[in-house]
Amino acid sequence: MKSYIPYRRLPEGGIPPPVTIYGPGVRMWHWANALLMAVLCITGYFIGVPPPSALGDTSSLYIMGWIRFFHLAAGYLFALLALARLWLTFVEKGISHHLFLPAIWRAEWFDGFMLQLKWNLLMIDKPIRYIGLNPLGNIAMLSMYVLPGLVVIITGFAMYAEVTGHDSWQYYLFGWVTAVFGNTMDLHIIHRMAMWIMVCFTFVHIYIAVREDVLSRQTMISSMLSGERQFRR
């Protein structure tokens, strides 16, 4: 699989041949990450807004205990997958580095950004074809998923450090975060705000991906399944 420059617009005319852009590692990370996001958001919501008390022996029902367990387990896996995704940037070619590296230094980048913005706002009827992420998608993923995801991981471990104690590795690595934000309540608020940014991005991402696959001249959803991007006239 070839390695591509961070941002490349395809020339008009003709139908370019299919291009393999996603390796198996990136594809598995994408779908596993989507599953963990769903688990984290659902369990995180019920941790903040607990369900009504259930009838019966709470020690045998253990509802909140299971909710918290699945949230913490998914949180650990989410953090490990984030490290794996960063590792894939260096070991898997294709466009695995695009998620972290918008090509804002290229002369045509801003032009492509504006054209893609107009396409998503239904202001033009013909989108630009790209190898890899388009400029708008690149910035959106970095600012509304990667960076908020980093905030979620750091604040999540900081809150967990308050439970594991001052002699734990969680407190050693993340105990300083609570002091930065001043108190635990602000830490919870930042954690949830970052989560909602990621949730909003996810819904927009799904809409854009489906729309691009239907109306654009290039595959999107199927590319994340097969790893291959195909182009249409």
Foldseek 3Di string as FASTA:
>chain_A
DAADDLWDFDDDDDWDAKDQADDPLVLVLVVLLVVLLVLQVVLVVCVVVPDDDDPDDCVVVVVNVVSVVSNVVSLVVNVVSLVVLVVCCPVPHHNSVLLPDQPPVDPCQVVQLVQVVCVVVVNDQAHIDIRDDRNVVSVLSNVQPVVLSVLLNLLVLCVVDVVVDCPDVSCVVRVCVCVVLPHNVSSSVSNVVSSVSNVVSVVVVVVVQVCCCPRHQWHRPVCSVPSMITGHD
